[in-house]
PDB file of N, CA and C in Angstrom:
ATOM      1  N   MET A   1     223.973  99.877 104.034  1.00  0.00           N
ATOM      2  CA  MET A   1     223.324  98.946 102.759  1.00  0.00           C
ATOM      3  C   MET A   1     224.244  99.744 101.521  1.00  0.00           C
ATOM      4  N   ILE A   2     224.287 101.233 101.493  1.00  0.00           N
ATOM      5  CA  ILE A   2     224.970 101.442 100.331  1.00  0.00           C
ATOM      6  C   ILE A   2     226.506 101.118 100.567  1.00  0.00           C
ATOM      7  N   LEU A   3     227.104 101.202 101.358  1.00  0.00           N
ATOM      8  CA  LEU A   3     228.771 100.540 101.742  1.00  0.00           C
ATOM      9  C   LEU A   3     228.509  99.086 101.551  1.00  0.00           C
ATOM     10  N   THR A   4     227.945  97.972 101.672  1.00  0.00           N
ATOM     11  CA  THR A   4     228.113  97.015 101.398  1.00  0.00           C
ATOM     12  C   THR A   4     227.611  96.787  99.785  1.00  0.00           C
ATOM     13  N   GLY A   5     227.208  97.749  99.213  1.00  0.00           N
ATOM     14  CA  GLY A   5     226.543  97.493  97.941  1.00  0.00           C
ATOM     15  C   GLY A   5     227.971  98.211  97.055  1.00  0.00           C
ATOM     16  N   LEU A   6     228.562  98.933  97.638  1.00  0.00           N
ATOM     17  CA  LEU A   6     229.651  99.620  96.758  1.00  0.00           C
ATOM     18  C   LEU A   6     230.605  98.577  97.101  1.00  0.00           C
ATOM     19  N   ILE A   7     231.238  98.198  98.381  1.00  0.00           N
ATOM     20  CA  ILE A   7     232.017  96.909  98.192  1.00  0.00           C
ATOM     21  C   ILE A   7     231.946  95.745  97.334  1.00  0.00           C
ATOM     22  N   LEU A   8     230.863  95.326  97.380  1.00  0.00           N
ATOM     23  CA  LEU A   8     230.583  94.369  96.030  1.00  0.00           C
ATOM     24  C   LEU A   8     230.755  94.695  94.870  1.00  0.00           C
ATOM     25  N   LEU A   9     230.502  95.880  94.350  1.00  0.00           N
ATOM     26  CA  LEU A   9     230.668  96.558  93.290  1.00  0.00           C
ATOM     27  C   LEU A   9     232.110  96.209  92.727  1.00  0.00           C
ATOM     28  N   SER A  10     232.780  97.164  93.990  1.00  0.00           N
ATOM     29  CA  SER A  10     233.955  97.186  93.766  1.00  0.00           C
ATOM     30  C   SER A  10     235.048  95.575  93.554  1.00  0.00           C
ATOM     31  N   LEU A  11     234.434  94.777  94.717  1.00  0.00           N
ATOM     32  CA  LEU A  11     234.966  93.258  94.021  1.00  0.00           C
ATOM     33  C   LEU A  11     234.688  93.087  92.872  1.00  0.00           C
ATOM     34  N   ALA A  12     233.209  93.238  92.208  1.00  0.00           N
ATOM     35  CA  ALA A  12     233.078  92.691  91.015  1.00  0.00           C
ATOM     36  C   ALA A  12     234.059  93.365  90.365  1.00  0.00           C
ATOM     37  N   LEU A  13     234.130  94.626  90.274  1.00  0.00           N
ATOM     38  CA  LEU A  13     235.057  95.229  89.270  1.00  0.00           C
ATOM     39  C   LEU A  13     236.359  95.089  89.346  1.00  0.00           C
ATOM     40  N   GLY A  14     236.824  94.338  90.421  1.00  0.00           N
ATOM     41  CA  GLY A  14     238.420  94.036  90.591  1.00  0.00           C
ATOM     42  C   GLY A  14     238.314  92.406  90.215  1.00  0.00           C
ATOM     43  N   LEU A  15     237.324  91.809  90.294  1.00  0.00           N
ATOM     44  CA  LEU A  15     237.215  90.310  89.678  1.00  0.00           C
ATOM     45  C   LEU A  15     237.392  90.430  87.876  1.00  0.00           C
ATOM     46  N   ALA A  16     236.614  91.095  87.753  1.00  0.00           N
ATOM     47  CA  ALA A  16     235.979  91.264  86.301  1.00  0.00           C
ATOM     48  C   ALA A  16     237.629  91.813  85.578  1.00  0.00           C
ATOM     49  N   ALA A  17     238.004  92.753  86.157  1.00  0.00           N
ATOM     50  CA  ALA A  17     239.957  92.864  85.660  1.00  0.00           C
ATOM     51  C   ALA A  17     240.709  91.768  85.416  1.00  0.00           C
ATOM     52  N   TRP A  18     240.759  91.103  86.985  1.00  0.00           N
ATOM     53  CA  TRP A  18     241.805  90.053  86.774  1.00  0.00           C
ATOM     54  C   TRP A  18     241.310  88.998  86.139  1.00  0.00           C
ATOM     55  N   LEU A  19     240.480  88.287  85.800  1.00  0.00           N
ATOM     56  CA  LEU A  19     239.267  87.789  84.973  1.00  0.00           C
ATOM     57  C   LEU A  19     239.857  88.150  83.312  1.00  0.00           C
ATOM     58  N   GLY A  20     239.879  89.490  83.135  1.00  0.00           N
ATOM     59  CA  GLY A  20     240.538  89.676  81.705  1.00  0.00           C
ATOM     60  C   GLY A  20     242.189  89.714  81.326  1.00  0.00           C
ATOM     61  N   PHE A  21     242.475  90.123  82.555  1.00  0.00           N
ATOM     62  CA  PHE A  21     244.054  89.786  82.815  1.00  0.00           C
ATOM     63  C   PHE A  21     244.182  88.411  82.607  1.00  0.00           C
ATOM     64  N   VAL A  22     243.782  87.264  83.236  1.00  0.00           N
ATOM     65  CA  VAL A  22     243.879  86.139  82.897  1.00  0.00           C
ATOM     66  C   VAL A  22     244.027  85.754  81.580  1.00  0.00           C
ATOM     67  N   TRP A  23     242.661  86.132  81.049  1.00  0.00           N
ATOM     68  CA  TRP A  23     242.237  86.244  79.765  1.00  0.00           C
ATOM     69  C   TRP A  23     243.706  85.971  78.617  1.00  0.00           C
ATOM     70  N   SER A  24     244.053  87.422  78.811  1.00  0.00           N
ATOM     71  CA  SER A  24     245.002  87.993  77.449  1.00  0.00           C
ATOM     72  C   SER A  24     246.335  87.451  78.061  1.00  0.00           C
ATOM     73  N   VAL A  25     246.404  86.664  78.972  1.00  0.00           N
ATOM     74  CA  VAL A  25     247.764  86.048  79.270  1.00  0.00           C
ATOM     75  C   VAL A  25     247.729  84.981  78.635  1.00  0.00           C
ATOM     76  N   LYS A  26     246.460  84.355  78.631  1.00  0.00           N
ATOM     77  CA  LYS A  26     246.146  82.935  78.065  1.00  0.00           C
ATOM     78  C   LYS A  26     245.995  82.742  76.155  1.00  0.00           C
ATOM     79  N   SER A  27     245.369  83.828  76.021  1.00  0.00           N
ATOM     80  CA  SER A  27     245.646  83.645  74.985  1.00  0.00           C
ATOM     81  C   SER A  27     246.786  84.389  74.173  1.00  0.00           C
ATOM     82  N   GLY A  28     247.807  84.456  74.633  1.00  0.00           N
ATOM     83  CA  GLY A  28     249.142  85.118  74.323  1.00  0.00           C
ATOM     84  C   GLY A  28     249.279  86.264  74.130  1.00  0.00           C
ATOM     85  N   GLN A  29     248.914  87.151  74.699  1.00  0.00           N
ATOM     86  CA  GLN A  29     249.109  88.741  74.736  1.00  0.00           C
ATOM     87  C   GLN A  29     250.419  89.379  74.723  1.00  0.00           C
ATOM     88  N   TYR A  30     250.909  88.623  75.815  1.00  0.00           N
ATOM     89  CA  TYR A  30     251.900  88.664  76.276  1.00  0.00           C
ATOM     90  C   TYR A  30     253.115  87.770  75.861  1.00  0.00           C
ATOM     91  N   ASP A  31     253.437  87.315  74.903  1.00  0.00           N
ATOM     92  CA  ASP A  31     254.245  86.241  74.321  1.00  0.00           C
ATOM     93  C   ASP A  31     255.579  86.887  74.024  1.00  0.00           C
ATOM     94  N   ASP A  32     255.522  87.569  73.281  1.00  0.00           N
ATOM     95  CA  ASP A  32     256.747  88.207  72.476  1.00  0.00           C
ATOM     96  C   ASP A  32     256.545  89.932  72.681  1.00  0.00           C
ATOM     97  N   PRO A  33     256.759  90.682  73.359  1.00  0.00           N
ATOM     98  CA  PRO A  33     256.632  91.967  73.137  1.00  0.00           C
ATOM     99  C   PRO A  33     257.796  92.698  72.426  1.00  0.00           C
ATOM    100  N   GLU A  34     258.787  92.039  72.304  1.00  0.00           N
ATOM    101  CA  GLU A  34     260.000  92.333  71.568  1.00  0.00           C
ATOM    102  C   GLU A  34     260.041  92.586  69.880  1.00  0.00           C
ATOM    103  N   GLY A  35     259.016  91.287  69.292  1.00  0.00           N
ATOM    104  CA  GLY A  35     259.085  90.969  68.028  1.00  0.00           C
ATOM    105  C   GLY A  35     258.978  91.675  66.983  1.00  0.00           C
ATOM    106  N   PRO A  36     258.007  92.475  67.408  1.00  0.00           N
ATOM    107  CA  PRO A  36     257.419  93.484  66.406  1.00  0.00           C
ATOM    108  C   PRO A  36     258.143  94.519  65.831  1.00  0.00           C
ATOM    109  N   LYS A  37     258.988  95.051  66.960  1.00  0.00           N
ATOM    110  CA  LYS A  37     260.000  96.210  66.595  1.00  0.00           C
ATOM    111  C   LYS A  37     261.169  95.828  65.706  1.00  0.00           C
ATOM    112  N   TYR A  38     261.458  94.429  66.049  1.00  0.00           N
ATOM    113  CA  TYR A  38     262.712  93.246  64.973  1.00  0.00           C
ATOM    114  C   TYR A  38     261.922  93.219  63.875  1.00  0.00           C
ATOM    115  N   ARG A  39     260.756  92.502  63.773  1.00  0.00           N
ATOM    116  CA  ARG A  39     260.107  92.038  62.679  1.00  0.00           C
ATOM    117  C   ARG A  39     260.236  93.089  61.630  1.00  0.00           C
ATOM    118  N   MET A  40     260.087  94.403  61.927  1.00  0.00           N
ATOM    119  CA  MET A  40     259.748  95.273  60.408  1.00  0.00           C
ATOM    120  C   MET A  40     261.478  95.205  59.903  1.00  0.00           C
ATOM    121  N   LEU A  41     262.544  94.756  60.755  1.00  0.00           N
ATOM    122  CA  LEU A  41     263.606  94.972  60.108  1.00  0.00           C
ATOM    123  C   LEU A  41     264.086  93.919  59.095  1.00  0.00           C
ATOM    124  N   ASP A  42     263.377  92.860  58.960  1.00  0.00           N
ATOM    125  CA  ASP A  42     263.094  91.538  58.485  1.00  0.00           C
ATOM    126  C   ASP A  42     263.392  92.111  56.998  1.00  0.00           C
ATOM    127  N   ASP A  43     263.929  91.280  56.177  1.00  0.00           N
ATOM    128  CA  ASP A  43     263.641  91.301  54.617  1.00  0.00           C
ATOM    129  C   ASP A  43     262.649  90.668  54.127  1.00  0.00           C
ATOM    130  N   ASP A  44     261.876  91.135  53.534  1.00  0.00           N
ATOM    131  CA  ASP A  44     260.298  90.721  52.666  1.00  0.00           C
ATOM    132  C   ASP A  44     260.674  89.155  52.173  1.00  0.00           C
ATOM    133  N   GLU A  45     261.501  89.682  51.726  1.00  0.00           N
ATOM    134  CA  GLU A  45     261.679  88.222  50.549  1.00  0.00           C
ATOM    135  C   GLU A  45     262.071  87.129  50.802  1.00  0.00           C
ATOM    136  N   GLU A  46     262.703  87.077  52.428  1.00  0.00           N
ATOM    137  CA  GLU A  46     263.009  85.770  53.121  1.00  0.00           C
ATOM    138  C   GLU A  46     261.884  85.017  53.948  1.00  0.00           C
ATOM    139  N   GLU A  47     260.828  85.481  53.707  1.00  0.00           N
ATOM    140  CA  GLU A  47     259.373  85.457  53.999  1.00  0.00           C
ATOM    141  C   GLU A  47     258.630  84.529  53.064  1.00  0.00           C
ATOM    142  N   GLY A  48     259.175  85.071  51.846  1.00  0.00           N
ATOM    143  CA  GLY A  48     258.239  84.099  50.635  1.00  0.00           C
ATOM    144  C   GLY A  48     257.188  85.478  50.116  1.00  0.00           C
ATOM    145  N   ARG A  49     257.211  86.594  50.713  1.00  0.00           N
ATOM    146  CA  ARG A  49     256.259  87.988  50.117  1.00  0.00           C
ATOM    147  C   ARG A  49     257.279  88.490  49.048  1.00  0.00           C
ATOM    148  N   ARG A  50     256.149  88.782  48.381  1.00  0.00           N
ATOM    149  CA  ARG A  50     256.949  89.545  47.291  1.00  0.00           C
ATOM    150  C   ARG A  50     256.865  91.259  47.399  1.00  0.00           C
ATOM    151  N   PRO A  51     257.750  91.670  47.202  1.00  0.00           N
ATOM    152  CA  PRO A  51     257.571  93.077  47.598  1.00  0.00           C
ATOM    153  C   PRO A  51     256.751  93.938  46.340  1.00  0.00           C
ATOM    154  N   LYS A  52     255.858  94.603  46.380  1.00  0.00           N
ATOM    155  CA  LYS A  52     254.730  95.715  46.154  1.00  0.00           C
ATOM    156  C   LYS A  52     255.669  96.321  44.799  1.00  0.00           C
ATOM    157  N   SER A  53     254.970  96.036  43.911  1.00  0.00           N
ATOM    158  CA  SER A  53     255.513  96.475  42.453  1.00  0.00           C
ATOM    159  C   SER A  53     254.900  97.927  41.925  1.00  0.00           C
ATOM    160  N   PRO A  54     255.202  98.935  41.329  1.00  0.00           N
ATOM    161  CA  PRO A  54     255.209 100.084  40.733  1.00  0.00           C
ATOM    162  C   PRO A  54     253.749  99.707  40.301  1.00  0.00           C
ATOM    163  N   PRO A  55     252.747 100.922  40.190  1.00  0.00           N
ATOM    164  CA  PRO A  55     251.798 100.676  38.945  1.00  0.00           C
ATOM    165  C   PRO A  55     252.150 100.696  37.489  1.00  0.00           C
ATOM    166  N   GLY A  56     251.327 100.022  36.988  1.00  0.00           N
ATOM    167  CA  GLY A  56     252.010  99.585  35.380  1.00  0.00           C
ATOM    168  C   GLY A  56     252.052  98.871  34.888  1.00  0.00           C
ATOM    169  N   PRO A  57     252.674  98.239  34.076  1.00  0.00           N
ATOM    170  CA  PRO A  57     252.679  96.946  33.145  1.00  0.00           C
ATOM    171  C   PRO A  57     253.558  96.333  33.536  1.00  0.00           C
ATOM    172  N   PRO A  58     253.961  95.061  34.471  1.00  0.00           N
ATOM    173  CA  PRO A  58     254.679  94.413  34.350  1.00  0.00           C
ATOM    174  C   PRO A  58     256.352  94.683  33.777  1.00  0.00           C
ATOM    175  N   PRO A  59     257.274  94.792  34.218  1.00  0.00           N
ATOM    176  CA  PRO A  59     258.313  94.779  33.835  1.00  0.00           C
ATOM    177  C   PRO A  59     258.406  93.950  32.869  1.00  0.00           C
ATOM    178  N   ASN A  60     258.461  92.673  32.764  1.00  0.00           N
ATOM    179  CA  ASN A  60     258.776  91.890  31.522  1.00  0.00           C
ATOM    180  C   ASN A  60     257.820  91.897  30.218  1.00  0.00           C
ATOM    181  N   GLU A  61     256.712  92.464  30.142  1.00  0.00           N
ATOM    182  CA  GLU A  61     255.705  92.602  29.136  1.00  0.00           C
ATOM    183  C   GLU A  61     255.820  94.017  28.377  1.00  0.00           C
ATOM    184  N   PRO A  62     255.766  94.163  27.506  1.00  0.00           N
ATOM    185  CA  PRO A  62     255.736  95.341  26.799  1.00  0.00           C
ATOM    186  C   PRO A  62     254.148  95.948  26.620  1.00  0.00           C
ATOM    187  N   PRO A  63     254.207  97.347  26.751  1.00  0.00           N
ATOM    188  CA  PRO A  63     253.088  98.342  27.417  1.00  0.00           C
ATOM    189  C   PRO A  63     251.858  97.301  26.170  1.00  0.00           C
ATOM    190  N   PRO A  64     250.835  97.906  26.076  1.00  0.00           N
ATOM    191  CA  PRO A  64     249.626  97.438  25.277  1.00  0.00           C
ATOM    192  C   PRO A  64     249.508  98.586  24.380  1.00  0.00           C
ATOM    193  N   PRO A  65     249.187  97.893  22.968  1.00  0.00           N
ATOM    194  CA  PRO A  65     249.381  98.939  21.759  1.00  0.00           C
ATOM    195  C   PRO A  65     248.328 100.124  21.846  1.00  0.00           C
ATOM    196  N   PRO A  66     248.420 101.055  21.355  1.00  0.00           N
ATOM    197  CA  PRO A  66     247.858 102.181  21.388  1.00  0.00           C
ATOM    198  C   PRO A  66     246.336 102.060  20.973  1.00  0.00           C
ATOM    199  N   LYS A  67     245.016 102.189  21.312  1.00  0.00           N
ATOM    200  CA  LYS A  67     243.698 102.186  20.720  1.00  0.00           C
ATOM    201  C   LYS A  67     243.860 103.384  19.594  1.00  0.00           C
ATOM    202  N   PRO A  68     243.146 103.082  18.302  1.00  0.00           N
ATOM    203  CA  PRO A  68     243.343 103.936  17.047  1.00  0.00           C
ATOM    204  C   PRO A  68     242.121 104.870  17.110  1.00  0.00           C
TER     205      PRO A  68
END
């Protein structure tokens, strides 16, 4: 009785692991494992993203006048 339950439990866990693996393959988890390490070397400006500017007024505008 207990042995049958343990066998069924192990089969259910194996099936759940297999279904999780199949789902991850179908959802694209393993499509490009090499891409992220090369993506960090790409230049941000090529992709249309602007680099982060330092805090403060934009470089083309004068600072605001002091308050009296």
